[in-house]
Amino acid sequence: FFQGFLPDAHPMAMVCGVVGALSSF
């Protein structure tokens, strides 16, 4: 999932998206 973010994205943006995606697993 992290590959969909730009490297300079704020880490909170990544965490927010990835945590929400956990439900799909």
PDBML (XML) file of the C-alpha atoms, coordinates in Angstrom:
<?xml version="1.0" encoding="UTF-8" ?>
<PDBx:datablock datablockName="MODEL"
   xmlns:PDBx="http://pdbml.pdb.org/schema/pdbx-v50.xsd"
   xmlns:xsi="http://www.w3.org/2001/XMLSchema-instance"
   xsi:schemaLocation="http://pdbml.pdb.org/schema/pdbx-v50.xsd pdbx-v50.xsd">
   <PDBx:atom_siteCategory>
      <PDBx:atom_site id="1">
         <PDBx:B_iso_or_equiv>0.00</PDBx:B_iso_or_equiv>
         <PDBx:Cartn_x>0.000</PDBx:Cartn_x>
         <PDBx:Cartn_y>0.000</PDBx:Cartn_y>
         <PDBx:Cartn_z>0.000</PDBx:Cartn_z>
         <PDBx:auth_asym_id>A</PDBx:auth_asym_id>
         <PDBx:auth_atom_id>CA</PDBx:auth_atom_id>
         <PDBx:auth_comp_id>PHE</PDBx:auth_comp_id>
         <PDBx:auth_seq_id>1</PDBx:auth_seq_id>
         <PDBx:group_PDB>ATOM</PDBx:group_PDB>
         <PDBx:label_alt_id xsi:nil="true" />
         <PDBx:label_asym_id>A</PDBx:label_asym_id>
         <PDBx:label_atom_id>CA</PDBx:label_atom_id>
         <PDBx:label_comp_id>PHE</PDBx:label_comp_id>
         <PDBx:label_entity_id>1</PDBx:label_entity_id>
         <PDBx:label_seq_id>1</PDBx:label_seq_id>
         <PDBx:occupancy>1.00</PDBx:occupancy>
         <PDBx:pdbx_PDB_model_num>1</PDBx:pdbx_PDB_model_num>
         <PDBx:type_symbol>C</PDBx:type_symbol>
      </PDBx:atom_site>
      <PDBx:atom_site id="2">
         <PDBx:B_iso_or_equiv>0.00</PDBx:B_iso_or_equiv>
         <PDBx:Cartn_x>2.853</PDBx:Cartn_x>
         <PDBx:Cartn_y>2.371</PDBx:Cartn_y>
         <PDBx:Cartn_z>0.783</PDBx:Cartn_z>
         <PDBx:auth_asym_id>A</PDBx:auth_asym_id>
         <PDBx:auth_atom_id>CA</PDBx:auth_atom_id>
         <PDBx:auth_comp_id>PHE</PDBx:auth_comp_id>
         <PDBx:auth_seq_id>2</PDBx:auth_seq_id>
         <PDBx:group_PDB>ATOM</PDBx:group_PDB>
         <PDBx:label_alt_id xsi:nil="true" />
         <PDBx:label_asym_id>A</PDBx:label_asym_id>
         <PDBx:label_atom_id>CA</PDBx:label_atom_id>
         <PDBx:label_comp_id>PHE</PDBx:label_comp_id>
         <PDBx:label_entity_id>1</PDBx:label_entity_id>
         <PDBx:label_seq_id>2</PDBx:label_seq_id>
         <PDBx:occupancy>1.00</PDBx:occupancy>
         <PDBx:pdbx_PDB_model_num>1</PDBx:pdbx_PDB_model_num>
         <PDBx:type_symbol>C</PDBx:type_symbol>
      </PDBx:atom_site>
      <PDBx:atom_site id="3">
         <PDBx:B_iso_or_equiv>0.00</PDBx:B_iso_or_equiv>
         <PDBx:Cartn_x>3.941</PDBx:Cartn_x>
         <PDBx:Cartn_y>2.315</PDBx:Cartn_y>
         <PDBx:Cartn_z>-2.856</PDBx:Cartn_z>
         <PDBx:auth_asym_id>A</PDBx:auth_asym_id>
         <PDBx:auth_atom_id>CA</PDBx:auth_atom_id>
         <PDBx:auth_comp_id>GLN</PDBx:auth_comp_id>
         <PDBx:auth_seq_id>3</PDBx:auth_seq_id>
         <PDBx:group_PDB>ATOM</PDBx:group_PDB>
         <PDBx:label_alt_id xsi:nil="true" />
         <PDBx:label_asym_id>A</PDBx:label_asym_id>
         <PDBx:label_atom_id>CA</PDBx:label_atom_id>
         <PDBx:label_comp_id>GLN</PDBx:label_comp_id>
         <PDBx:label_entity_id>1</PDBx:label_entity_id>
         <PDBx:label_seq_id>3</PDBx:label_seq_id>
         <PDBx:occupancy>1.00</PDBx:occupancy>
         <PDBx:pdbx_PDB_model_num>1</PDBx:pdbx_PDB_model_num>
         <PDBx:type_symbol>C</PDBx:type_symbol>
      </PDBx:atom_site>
      <PDBx:atom_site id="4">
         <PDBx:B_iso_or_equiv>0.00</PDBx:B_iso_or_equiv>
         <PDBx:Cartn_x>0.843</PDBx:Cartn_x>
         <PDBx:Cartn_y>4.371</PDBx:Cartn_y>
         <PDBx:Cartn_z>-3.671</PDBx:Cartn_z>
         <PDBx:auth_asym_id>A</PDBx:auth_asym_id>
         <PDBx:auth_atom_id>CA</PDBx:auth_atom_id>
         <PDBx:auth_comp_id>GLY</PDBx:auth_comp_id>
         <PDBx:auth_seq_id>4</PDBx:auth_seq_id>
         <PDBx:group_PDB>ATOM</PDBx:group_PDB>
         <PDBx:label_alt_id xsi:nil="true" />
         <PDBx:label_asym_id>A</PDBx:label_asym_id>
         <PDBx:label_atom_id>CA</PDBx:label_atom_id>
         <PDBx:label_comp_id>GLY</PDBx:label_comp_id>
         <PDBx:label_entity_id>1</PDBx:label_entity_id>
         <PDBx:label_seq_id>4</PDBx:label_seq_id>
         <PDBx:occupancy>1.00</PDBx:occupancy>
         <PDBx:pdbx_PDB_model_num>1</PDBx:pdbx_PDB_model_num>
         <PDBx:type_symbol>C</PDBx:type_symbol>
      </PDBx:atom_site>
      <PDBx:atom_site id="5">
         <PDBx:B_iso_or_equiv>0.00</PDBx:B_iso_or_equiv>
         <PDBx:Cartn_x>2.135</PDBx:Cartn_x>
         <PDBx:Cartn_y>7.351</PDBx:Cartn_y>
         <PDBx:Cartn_z>-1.670</PDBx:Cartn_z>
         <PDBx:auth_asym_id>A</PDBx:auth_asym_id>
         <PDBx:auth_atom_id>CA</PDBx:auth_atom_id>
         <PDBx:auth_comp_id>PHE</PDBx:auth_comp_id>
         <PDBx:auth_seq_id>5</PDBx:auth_seq_id>
         <PDBx:group_PDB>ATOM</PDBx:group_PDB>
         <PDBx:label_alt_id xsi:nil="true" />
         <PDBx:label_asym_id>A</PDBx:label_asym_id>
         <PDBx:label_atom_id>CA</PDBx:label_atom_id>
         <PDBx:label_comp_id>PHE</PDBx:label_comp_id>
         <PDBx:label_entity_id>1</PDBx:label_entity_id>
         <PDBx:label_seq_id>5</PDBx:label_seq_id>
         <PDBx:occupancy>1.00</PDBx:occupancy>
         <PDBx:pdbx_PDB_model_num>1</PDBx:pdbx_PDB_model_num>
         <PDBx:type_symbol>C</PDBx:type_symbol>
      </PDBx:atom_site>
      <PDBx:atom_site id="6">
         <PDBx:B_iso_or_equiv>0.00</PDBx:B_iso_or_equiv>
         <PDBx:Cartn_x>4.661</PDBx:Cartn_x>
         <PDBx:Cartn_y>9.904</PDBx:Cartn_y>
         <PDBx:Cartn_z>-2.833</PDBx:Cartn_z>
         <PDBx:auth_asym_id>A</PDBx:auth_asym_id>
         <PDBx:auth_atom_id>CA</PDBx:auth_atom_id>
         <PDBx:auth_comp_id>LEU</PDBx:auth_comp_id>
         <PDBx:auth_seq_id>6</PDBx:auth_seq_id>
         <PDBx:group_PDB>ATOM</PDBx:group_PDB>
         <PDBx:label_alt_id xsi:nil="true" />
         <PDBx:label_asym_id>A</PDBx:label_asym_id>
         <PDBx:label_atom_id>CA</PDBx:label_atom_id>
         <PDBx:label_comp_id>LEU</PDBx:label_comp_id>
         <PDBx:label_entity_id>1</PDBx:label_entity_id>
         <PDBx:label_seq_id>6</PDBx:label_seq_id>
         <PDBx:occupancy>1.00</PDBx:occupancy>
         <PDBx:pdbx_PDB_model_num>1</PDBx:pdbx_PDB_model_num>
         <PDBx:type_symbol>C</PDBx:type_symbol>
      </PDBx:atom_site>
      <PDBx:atom_site id="7">
         <PDBx:B_iso_or_equiv>0.00</PDBx:B_iso_or_equiv>
         <PDBx:Cartn_x>7.864</PDBx:Cartn_x>
         <PDBx:Cartn_y>9.603</PDBx:Cartn_y>
         <PDBx:Cartn_z>-0.785</PDBx:Cartn_z>
         <PDBx:auth_asym_id>A</PDBx:auth_asym_id>
         <PDBx:auth_atom_id>CA</PDBx:auth_atom_id>
         <PDBx:auth_comp_id>PRO</PDBx:auth_comp_id>
         <PDBx:auth_seq_id>7</PDBx:auth_seq_id>
         <PDBx:group_PDB>ATOM</PDBx:group_PDB>
         <PDBx:label_alt_id xsi:nil="true" />
         <PDBx:label_asym_id>A</PDBx:label_asym_id>
         <PDBx:label_atom_id>CA</PDBx:label_atom_id>
         <PDBx:label_comp_id>PRO</PDBx:label_comp_id>
         <PDBx:label_entity_id>1</PDBx:label_entity_id>
         <PDBx:label_seq_id>7</PDBx:label_seq_id>
         <PDBx:occupancy>1.00</PDBx:occupancy>
         <PDBx:pdbx_PDB_model_num>1</PDBx:pdbx_PDB_model_num>
         <PDBx:type_symbol>C</PDBx:type_symbol>
      </PDBx:atom_site>
      <PDBx:atom_site id="8">
         <PDBx:B_iso_or_equiv>0.00</PDBx:B_iso_or_equiv>
         <PDBx:Cartn_x>7.429</PDBx:Cartn_x>
         <PDBx:Cartn_y>13.123</PDBx:Cartn_y>
         <PDBx:Cartn_z>0.596</PDBx:Cartn_z>
         <PDBx:auth_asym_id>A</PDBx:auth_asym_id>
         <PDBx:auth_atom_id>CA</PDBx:auth_atom_id>
         <PDBx:auth_comp_id>ASP</PDBx:auth_comp_id>
         <PDBx:auth_seq_id>8</PDBx:auth_seq_id>
         <PDBx:group_PDB>ATOM</PDBx:group_PDB>
         <PDBx:label_alt_id xsi:nil="true" />
         <PDBx:label_asym_id>A</PDBx:label_asym_id>
         <PDBx:label_atom_id>CA</PDBx:label_atom_id>
         <PDBx:label_comp_id>ASP</PDBx:label_comp_id>
         <PDBx:label_entity_id>1</PDBx:label_entity_id>
         <PDBx:label_seq_id>8</PDBx:label_seq_id>
         <PDBx:occupancy>1.00</PDBx:occupancy>
         <PDBx:pdbx_PDB_model_num>1</PDBx:pdbx_PDB_model_num>
         <PDBx:type_symbol>C</PDBx:type_symbol>
      </PDBx:atom_site>
      <PDBx:atom_site id="9">
         <PDBx:B_iso_or_equiv>0.00</PDBx:B_iso_or_equiv>
         <PDBx:Cartn_x>3.863</PDBx:Cartn_x>
         <PDBx:Cartn_y>12.476</PDBx:Cartn_y>
         <PDBx:Cartn_z>1.811</PDBx:Cartn_z>
         <PDBx:auth_asym_id>A</PDBx:auth_asym_id>
         <PDBx:auth_atom_id>CA</PDBx:auth_atom_id>
         <PDBx:auth_comp_id>ALA</PDBx:auth_comp_id>
         <PDBx:auth_seq_id>9</PDBx:auth_seq_id>
         <PDBx:group_PDB>ATOM</PDBx:group_PDB>
         <PDBx:label_alt_id xsi:nil="true" />
         <PDBx:label_asym_id>A</PDBx:label_asym_id>
         <PDBx:label_atom_id>CA</PDBx:label_atom_id>
         <PDBx:label_comp_id>ALA</PDBx:label_comp_id>
         <PDBx:label_entity_id>1</PDBx:label_entity_id>
         <PDBx:label_seq_id>9</PDBx:label_seq_id>
         <PDBx:occupancy>1.00</PDBx:occupancy>
         <PDBx:pdbx_PDB_model_num>1</PDBx:pdbx_PDB_model_num>
         <PDBx:type_symbol>C</PDBx:type_symbol>
      </PDBx:atom_site>
      <PDBx:atom_site id="10">
         <PDBx:B_iso_or_equiv>0.00</PDBx:B_iso_or_equiv>
         <PDBx:Cartn_x>3.307</PDBx:Cartn_x>
         <PDBx:Cartn_y>13.226</PDBx:Cartn_y>
         <PDBx:Cartn_z>5.481</PDBx:Cartn_z>
         <PDBx:auth_asym_id>A</PDBx:auth_asym_id>
         <PDBx:auth_atom_id>CA</PDBx:auth_atom_id>
         <PDBx:auth_comp_id>HIS</PDBx:auth_comp_id>
         <PDBx:auth_seq_id>10</PDBx:auth_seq_id>
         <PDBx:group_PDB>ATOM</PDBx:group_PDB>
         <PDBx:label_alt_id xsi:nil="true" />
         <PDBx:label_asym_id>A</PDBx:label_asym_id>
         <PDBx:label_atom_id>CA</PDBx:label_atom_id>
         <PDBx:label_comp_id>HIS</PDBx:label_comp_id>
         <PDBx:label_entity_id>1</PDBx:label_entity_id>
         <PDBx:label_seq_id>10</PDBx:label_seq_id>
         <PDBx:occupancy>1.00</PDBx:occupancy>
         <PDBx:pdbx_PDB_model_num>1</PDBx:pdbx_PDB_model_num>
         <PDBx:type_symbol>C</PDBx:type_symbol>
      </PDBx:atom_site>
      <PDBx:atom_site id="11">
         <PDBx:B_iso_or_equiv>0.00</PDBx:B_iso_or_equiv>
         <PDBx:Cartn_x>3.640</PDBx:Cartn_x>
         <PDBx:Cartn_y>9.984</PDBx:Cartn_y>
         <PDBx:Cartn_z>7.510</PDBx:Cartn_z>
         <PDBx:auth_asym_id>A</PDBx:auth_asym_id>
         <PDBx:auth_atom_id>CA</PDBx:auth_atom_id>
         <PDBx:auth_comp_id>PRO</PDBx:auth_comp_id>
         <PDBx:auth_seq_id>11</PDBx:auth_seq_id>
         <PDBx:group_PDB>ATOM</PDBx:group_PDB>
         <PDBx:label_alt_id xsi:nil="true" />
         <PDBx:label_asym_id>A</PDBx:label_asym_id>
         <PDBx:label_atom_id>CA</PDBx:label_atom_id>
         <PDBx:label_comp_id>PRO</PDBx:label_comp_id>
         <PDBx:label_entity_id>1</PDBx:label_entity_id>
         <PDBx:label_seq_id>11</PDBx:label_seq_id>
         <PDBx:occupancy>1.00</PDBx:occupancy>
         <PDBx:pdbx_PDB_model_num>1</PDBx:pdbx_PDB_model_num>
         <PDBx:type_symbol>C</PDBx:type_symbol>
      </PDBx:atom_site>
      <PDBx:atom_site id="12">
         <PDBx:B_iso_or_equiv>0.00</PDBx:B_iso_or_equiv>
         <PDBx:Cartn_x>0.245</PDBx:Cartn_x>
         <PDBx:Cartn_y>10.670</PDBx:Cartn_y>
         <PDBx:Cartn_z>9.114</PDBx:Cartn_z>
         <PDBx:auth_asym_id>A</PDBx:auth_asym_id>
         <PDBx:auth_atom_id>CA</PDBx:auth_atom_id>
         <PDBx:auth_comp_id>MET</PDBx:auth_comp_id>
         <PDBx:auth_seq_id>12</PDBx:auth_seq_id>
         <PDBx:group_PDB>ATOM</PDBx:group_PDB>
         <PDBx:label_alt_id xsi:nil="true" />
         <PDBx:label_asym_id>A</PDBx:label_asym_id>
         <PDBx:label_atom_id>CA</PDBx:label_atom_id>
         <PDBx:label_comp_id>MET</PDBx:label_comp_id>
         <PDBx:label_entity_id>1</PDBx:label_entity_id>
         <PDBx:label_seq_id>12</PDBx:label_seq_id>
         <PDBx:occupancy>1.00</PDBx:occupancy>
         <PDBx:pdbx_PDB_model_num>1</PDBx:pdbx_PDB_model_num>
         <PDBx:type_symbol>C</PDBx:type_symbol>
      </PDBx:atom_site>
      <PDBx:atom_site id="13">
         <PDBx:B_iso_or_equiv>0.00</PDBx:B_iso_or_equiv>
         <PDBx:Cartn_x>-1.366</PDBx:Cartn_x>
         <PDBx:Cartn_y>10.494</PDBx:Cartn_y>
         <PDBx:Cartn_z>5.665</PDBx:Cartn_z>
         <PDBx:auth_asym_id>A</PDBx:auth_asym_id>
         <PDBx:auth_atom_id>CA</PDBx:auth_atom_id>
         <PDBx:auth_comp_id>ALA</PDBx:auth_comp_id>
         <PDBx:auth_seq_id>13</PDBx:auth_seq_id>
         <PDBx:group_PDB>ATOM</PDBx:group_PDB>
         <PDBx:label_alt_id xsi:nil="true" />
         <PDBx:label_asym_id>A</PDBx:label_asym_id>
         <PDBx:label_atom_id>CA</PDBx:label_atom_id>
         <PDBx:label_comp_id>ALA</PDBx:label_comp_id>
         <PDBx:label_entity_id>1</PDBx:label_entity_id>
         <PDBx:label_seq_id>13</PDBx:label_seq_id>
         <PDBx:occupancy>1.00</PDBx:occupancy>
         <PDBx:pdbx_PDB_model_num>1</PDBx:pdbx_PDB_model_num>
         <PDBx:type_symbol>C</PDBx:type_symbol>
      </PDBx:atom_site>
      <PDBx:atom_site id="14">
         <PDBx:B_iso_or_equiv>0.00</PDBx:B_iso_or_equiv>
         <PDBx:Cartn_x>0.172</PDBx:Cartn_x>
         <PDBx:Cartn_y>7.063</PDBx:Cartn_y>
         <PDBx:Cartn_z>5.169</PDBx:Cartn_z>
         <PDBx:auth_asym_id>A</PDBx:auth_asym_id>
         <PDBx:auth_atom_id>CA</PDBx:auth_atom_id>
         <PDBx:auth_comp_id>MET</PDBx:auth_comp_id>
         <PDBx:auth_seq_id>14</PDBx:auth_seq_id>
         <PDBx:group_PDB>ATOM</PDBx:group_PDB>
         <PDBx:label_alt_id xsi:nil="true" />
         <PDBx:label_asym_id>A</PDBx:label_asym_id>
         <PDBx:label_atom_id>CA</PDBx:label_atom_id>
         <PDBx:label_comp_id>MET</PDBx:label_comp_id>
         <PDBx:label_entity_id>1</PDBx:label_entity_id>
         <PDBx:label_seq_id>14</PDBx:label_seq_id>
         <PDBx:occupancy>1.00</PDBx:occupancy>
         <PDBx:pdbx_PDB_model_num>1</PDBx:pdbx_PDB_model_num>
         <PDBx:type_symbol>C</PDBx:type_symbol>
      </PDBx:atom_site>
      <PDBx:atom_site id="15">
         <PDBx:B_iso_or_equiv>0.00</PDBx:B_iso_or_equiv>
         <PDBx:Cartn_x>-0.823</PDBx:Cartn_x>
         <PDBx:Cartn_y>5.807</PDBx:Cartn_y>
         <PDBx:Cartn_z>8.617</PDBx:Cartn_z>
         <PDBx:auth_asym_id>A</PDBx:auth_asym_id>
         <PDBx:auth_atom_id>CA</PDBx:auth_atom_id>
         <PDBx:auth_comp_id>VAL</PDBx:auth_comp_id>
         <PDBx:auth_seq_id>15</PDBx:auth_seq_id>
         <PDBx:group_PDB>ATOM</PDBx:group_PDB>
         <PDBx:label_alt_id xsi:nil="true" />
         <PDBx:label_asym_id>A</PDBx:label_asym_id>
         <PDBx:label_atom_id>CA</PDBx:label_atom_id>
         <PDBx:label_comp_id>VAL</PDBx:label_comp_id>
         <PDBx:label_entity_id>1</PDBx:label_entity_id>
         <PDBx:label_seq_id>15</PDBx:label_seq_id>
         <PDBx:occupancy>1.00</PDBx:occupancy>
         <PDBx:pdbx_PDB_model_num>1</PDBx:pdbx_PDB_model_num>
         <PDBx:type_symbol>C</PDBx:type_symbol>
      </PDBx:atom_site>
      <PDBx:atom_site id="16">
         <PDBx:B_iso_or_equiv>0.00</PDBx:B_iso_or_equiv>
         <PDBx:Cartn_x>-4.388</PDBx:Cartn_x>
         <PDBx:Cartn_y>7.083</PDBx:Cartn_y>
         <PDBx:Cartn_z>8.274</PDBx:Cartn_z>
         <PDBx:auth_asym_id>A</PDBx:auth_asym_id>
         <PDBx:auth_atom_id>CA</PDBx:auth_atom_id>
         <PDBx:auth_comp_id>CYS</PDBx:auth_comp_id>
         <PDBx:auth_seq_id>16</PDBx:auth_seq_id>
         <PDBx:group_PDB>ATOM</PDBx:group_PDB>
         <PDBx:label_alt_id xsi:nil="true" />
         <PDBx:label_asym_id>A</PDBx:label_asym_id>
         <PDBx:label_atom_id>CA</PDBx:label_atom_id>
         <PDBx:label_comp_id>CYS</PDBx:label_comp_id>
         <PDBx:label_entity_id>1</PDBx:label_entity_id>
         <PDBx:label_seq_id>16</PDBx:label_seq_id>
         <PDBx:occupancy>1.00</PDBx:occupancy>
         <PDBx:pdbx_PDB_model_num>1</PDBx:pdbx_PDB_model_num>
         <PDBx:type_symbol>C</PDBx:type_symbol>
      </PDBx:atom_site>
      <PDBx:atom_site id="17">
         <PDBx:B_iso_or_equiv>0.00</PDBx:B_iso_or_equiv>
         <PDBx:Cartn_x>-4.846</PDBx:Cartn_x>
         <PDBx:Cartn_y>5.309</PDBx:Cartn_y>
         <PDBx:Cartn_z>4.936</PDBx:Cartn_z>
         <PDBx:auth_asym_id>A</PDBx:auth_asym_id>
         <PDBx:auth_atom_id>CA</PDBx:auth_atom_id>
         <PDBx:auth_comp_id>GLY</PDBx:auth_comp_id>
         <PDBx:auth_seq_id>17</PDBx:auth_seq_id>
         <PDBx:group_PDB>ATOM</PDBx:group_PDB>
         <PDBx:label_alt_id xsi:nil="true" />
         <PDBx:label_asym_id>A</PDBx:label_asym_id>
         <PDBx:label_atom_id>CA</PDBx:label_atom_id>
         <PDBx:label_comp_id>GLY</PDBx:label_comp_id>
         <PDBx:label_entity_id>1</PDBx:label_entity_id>
         <PDBx:label_seq_id>17</PDBx:label_seq_id>
         <PDBx:occupancy>1.00</PDBx:occupancy>
         <PDBx:pdbx_PDB_model_num>1</PDBx:pdbx_PDB_model_num>
         <PDBx:type_symbol>C</PDBx:type_symbol>
      </PDBx:atom_site>
      <PDBx:atom_site id="18">
         <PDBx:B_iso_or_equiv>0.00</PDBx:B_iso_or_equiv>
         <PDBx:Cartn_x>-3.111</PDBx:Cartn_x>
         <PDBx:Cartn_y>2.063</PDBx:Cartn_y>
         <PDBx:Cartn_z>5.862</PDBx:Cartn_z>
         <PDBx:auth_asym_id>A</PDBx:auth_asym_id>
         <PDBx:auth_atom_id>CA</PDBx:auth_atom_id>
         <PDBx:auth_comp_id>VAL</PDBx:auth_comp_id>
         <PDBx:auth_seq_id>18</PDBx:auth_seq_id>
         <PDBx:group_PDB>ATOM</PDBx:group_PDB>
         <PDBx:label_alt_id xsi:nil="true" />
         <PDBx:label_asym_id>A</PDBx:label_asym_id>
         <PDBx:label_atom_id>CA</PDBx:label_atom_id>
         <PDBx:label_comp_id>VAL</PDBx:label_comp_id>
         <PDBx:label_entity_id>1</PDBx:label_entity_id>
         <PDBx:label_seq_id>18</PDBx:label_seq_id>
         <PDBx:occupancy>1.00</PDBx:occupancy>
         <PDBx:pdbx_PDB_model_num>1</PDBx:pdbx_PDB_model_num>
         <PDBx:type_symbol>C</PDBx:type_symbol>
      </PDBx:atom_site>
      <PDBx:atom_site id="19">
         <PDBx:B_iso_or_equiv>0.00</PDBx:B_iso_or_equiv>
         <PDBx:Cartn_x>-4.903</PDBx:Cartn_x>
         <PDBx:Cartn_y>1.665</PDBx:Cartn_y>
         <PDBx:Cartn_z>9.203</PDBx:Cartn_z>
         <PDBx:auth_asym_id>A</PDBx:auth_asym_id>
         <PDBx:auth_atom_id>CA</PDBx:auth_atom_id>
         <PDBx:auth_comp_id>VAL</PDBx:auth_comp_id>
         <PDBx:auth_seq_id>19</PDBx:auth_seq_id>
         <PDBx:group_PDB>ATOM</PDBx:group_PDB>
         <PDBx:label_alt_id xsi:nil="true" />
         <PDBx:label_asym_id>A</PDBx:label_asym_id>
         <PDBx:label_atom_id>CA</PDBx:label_atom_id>
         <PDBx:label_comp_id>VAL</PDBx:label_comp_id>
         <PDBx:label_entity_id>1</PDBx:label_entity_id>
         <PDBx:label_seq_id>19</PDBx:label_seq_id>
         <PDBx:occupancy>1.00</PDBx:occupancy>
         <PDBx:pdbx_PDB_model_num>1</PDBx:pdbx_PDB_model_num>
         <PDBx:type_symbol>C</PDBx:type_symbol>
      </PDBx:atom_site>
      <PDBx:atom_site id="20">
         <PDBx:B_iso_or_equiv>0.00</PDBx:B_iso_or_equiv>
         <PDBx:Cartn_x>-8.263</PDBx:Cartn_x>
         <PDBx:Cartn_y>2.131</PDBx:Cartn_y>
         <PDBx:Cartn_z>7.506</PDBx:Cartn_z>
         <PDBx:auth_asym_id>A</PDBx:auth_asym_id>
         <PDBx:auth_atom_id>CA</PDBx:auth_atom_id>
         <PDBx:auth_comp_id>GLY</PDBx:auth_comp_id>
         <PDBx:auth_seq_id>20</PDBx:auth_seq_id>
         <PDBx:group_PDB>ATOM</PDBx:group_PDB>
         <PDBx:label_alt_id xsi:nil="true" />
         <PDBx:label_asym_id>A</PDBx:label_asym_id>
         <PDBx:label_atom_id>CA</PDBx:label_atom_id>
         <PDBx:label_comp_id>GLY</PDBx:label_comp_id>
         <PDBx:label_entity_id>1</PDBx:label_entity_id>
         <PDBx:label_seq_id>20</PDBx:label_seq_id>
         <PDBx:occupancy>1.00</PDBx:occupancy>
         <PDBx:pdbx_PDB_model_num>1</PDBx:pdbx_PDB_model_num>
         <PDBx:type_symbol>C</PDBx:type_symbol>
      </PDBx:atom_site>
      <PDBx:atom_site id="21">
         <PDBx:B_iso_or_equiv>0.00</PDBx:B_iso_or_equiv>
         <PDBx:Cartn_x>-7.283</PDBx:Cartn_x>
         <PDBx:Cartn_y>-0.511</PDBx:Cartn_y>
         <PDBx:Cartn_z>4.963</PDBx:Cartn_z>
         <PDBx:auth_asym_id>A</PDBx:auth_asym_id>
         <PDBx:auth_atom_id>CA</PDBx:auth_atom_id>
         <PDBx:auth_comp_id>ALA</PDBx:auth_comp_id>
         <PDBx:auth_seq_id>21</PDBx:auth_seq_id>
         <PDBx:group_PDB>ATOM</PDBx:group_PDB>
         <PDBx:label_alt_id xsi:nil="true" />
         <PDBx:label_asym_id>A</PDBx:label_asym_id>
         <PDBx:label_atom_id>CA</PDBx:label_atom_id>
         <PDBx:label_comp_id>ALA</PDBx:label_comp_id>
         <PDBx:label_entity_id>1</PDBx:label_entity_id>
         <PDBx:label_seq_id>21</PDBx:label_seq_id>
         <PDBx:occupancy>1.00</PDBx:occupancy>
         <PDBx:pdbx_PDB_model_num>1</PDBx:pdbx_PDB_model_num>
         <PDBx:type_symbol>C</PDBx:type_symbol>
      </PDBx:atom_site>
      <PDBx:atom_site id="22">
         <PDBx:B_iso_or_equiv>0.00</PDBx:B_iso_or_equiv>
         <PDBx:Cartn_x>-6.621</PDBx:Cartn_x>
         <PDBx:Cartn_y>-3.098</PDBx:Cartn_y>
         <PDBx:Cartn_z>7.695</PDBx:Cartn_z>
         <PDBx:auth_asym_id>A</PDBx:auth_asym_id>
         <PDBx:auth_atom_id>CA</PDBx:auth_atom_id>
         <PDBx:auth_comp_id>LEU</PDBx:auth_comp_id>
         <PDBx:auth_seq_id>22</PDBx:auth_seq_id>
         <PDBx:group_PDB>ATOM</PDBx:group_PDB>
         <PDBx:label_alt_id xsi:nil="true" />
         <PDBx:label_asym_id>A</PDBx:label_asym_id>
         <PDBx:label_atom_id>CA</PDBx:label_atom_id>
         <PDBx:label_comp_id>LEU</PDBx:label_comp_id>
         <PDBx:label_entity_id>1</PDBx:label_entity_id>
         <PDBx:label_seq_id>22</PDBx:label_seq_id>
         <PDBx:occupancy>1.00</PDBx:occupancy>
         <PDBx:pdbx_PDB_model_num>1</PDBx:pdbx_PDB_model_num>
         <PDBx:type_symbol>C</PDBx:type_symbol>
      </PDBx:atom_site>
      <PDBx:atom_site id="23">
         <PDBx:B_iso_or_equiv>0.00</PDBx:B_iso_or_equiv>
         <PDBx:Cartn_x>-10.314</PDBx:Cartn_x>
         <PDBx:Cartn_y>-3.975</PDBx:Cartn_y>
         <PDBx:Cartn_z>7.743</PDBx:Cartn_z>
         <PDBx:auth_asym_id>A</PDBx:auth_asym_id>
         <PDBx:auth_atom_id>CA</PDBx:auth_atom_id>
         <PDBx:auth_comp_id>SER</PDBx:auth_comp_id>
         <PDBx:auth_seq_id>23</PDBx:auth_seq_id>
         <PDBx:group_PDB>ATOM</PDBx:group_PDB>
         <PDBx:label_alt_id xsi:nil="true" />
         <PDBx:label_asym_id>A</PDBx:label_asym_id>
         <PDBx:label_atom_id>CA</PDBx:label_atom_id>
         <PDBx:label_comp_id>SER</PDBx:label_comp_id>
         <PDBx:label_entity_id>1</PDBx:label_entity_id>
         <PDBx:label_seq_id>23</PDBx:label_seq_id>
         <PDBx:occupancy>1.00</PDBx:occupancy>
         <PDBx:pdbx_PDB_model_num>1</PDBx:pdbx_PDB_model_num>
         <PDBx:type_symbol>C</PDBx:type_symbol>
      </PDBx:atom_site>
      <PDBx:atom_site id="24">
         <PDBx:B_iso_or_equiv>0.00</PDBx:B_iso_or_equiv>
         <PDBx:Cartn_x>-9.982</PDBx:Cartn_x>
         <PDBx:Cartn_y>-5.456</PDBx:Cartn_y>
         <PDBx:Cartn_z>4.265</PDBx:Cartn_z>
         <PDBx:auth_asym_id>A</PDBx:auth_asym_id>
         <PDBx:auth_atom_id>CA</PDBx:auth_atom_id>
         <PDBx:auth_comp_id>SER</PDBx:auth_comp_id>
         <PDBx:auth_seq_id>24</PDBx:auth_seq_id>
         <PDBx:group_PDB>ATOM</PDBx:group_PDB>
         <PDBx:label_alt_id xsi:nil="true" />
         <PDBx:label_asym_id>A</PDBx:label_asym_id>
         <PDBx:label_atom_id>CA</PDBx:label_atom_id>
         <PDBx:label_comp_id>SER</PDBx:label_comp_id>
         <PDBx:label_entity_id>1</PDBx:label_entity_id>
         <PDBx:label_seq_id>24</PDBx:label_seq_id>
         <PDBx:occupancy>1.00</PDBx:occupancy>
         <PDBx:pdbx_PDB_model_num>1</PDBx:pdbx_PDB_model_num>
         <PDBx:type_symbol>C</PDBx:type_symbol>
      </PDBx:atom_site>
      <PDBx:atom_site id="25">
         <PDBx:B_iso_or_equiv>0.00</PDBx:B_iso_or_equiv>
         <PDBx:Cartn_x>-7.626</PDBx:Cartn_x>
         <PDBx:Cartn_y>-8.093</PDBx:Cartn_y>
         <PDBx:Cartn_z>5.677</PDBx:Cartn_z>
         <PDBx:auth_asym_id>A</PDBx:auth_asym_id>
         <PDBx:auth_atom_id>CA</PDBx:auth_atom_id>
         <PDBx:auth_comp_id>PHE</PDBx:auth_comp_id>
         <PDBx:auth_seq_id>25</PDBx:auth_seq_id>
         <PDBx:group_PDB>ATOM</PDBx:group_PDB>
         <PDBx:label_alt_id xsi:nil="true" />
         <PDBx:label_asym_id>A</PDBx:label_asym_id>
         <PDBx:label_atom_id>CA</PDBx:label_atom_id>
         <PDBx:label_comp_id>PHE</PDBx:label_comp_id>
         <PDBx:label_entity_id>1</PDBx:label_entity_id>
         <PDBx:label_seq_id>25</PDBx:label_seq_id>
         <PDBx:occupancy>1.00</PDBx:occupancy>
         <PDBx:pdbx_PDB_model_num>1</PDBx:pdbx_PDB_model_num>
         <PDBx:type_symbol>C</PDBx:type_symbol>
      </PDBx:atom_site>
   </PDBx:atom_siteCategory>
</PDBx:datablock>
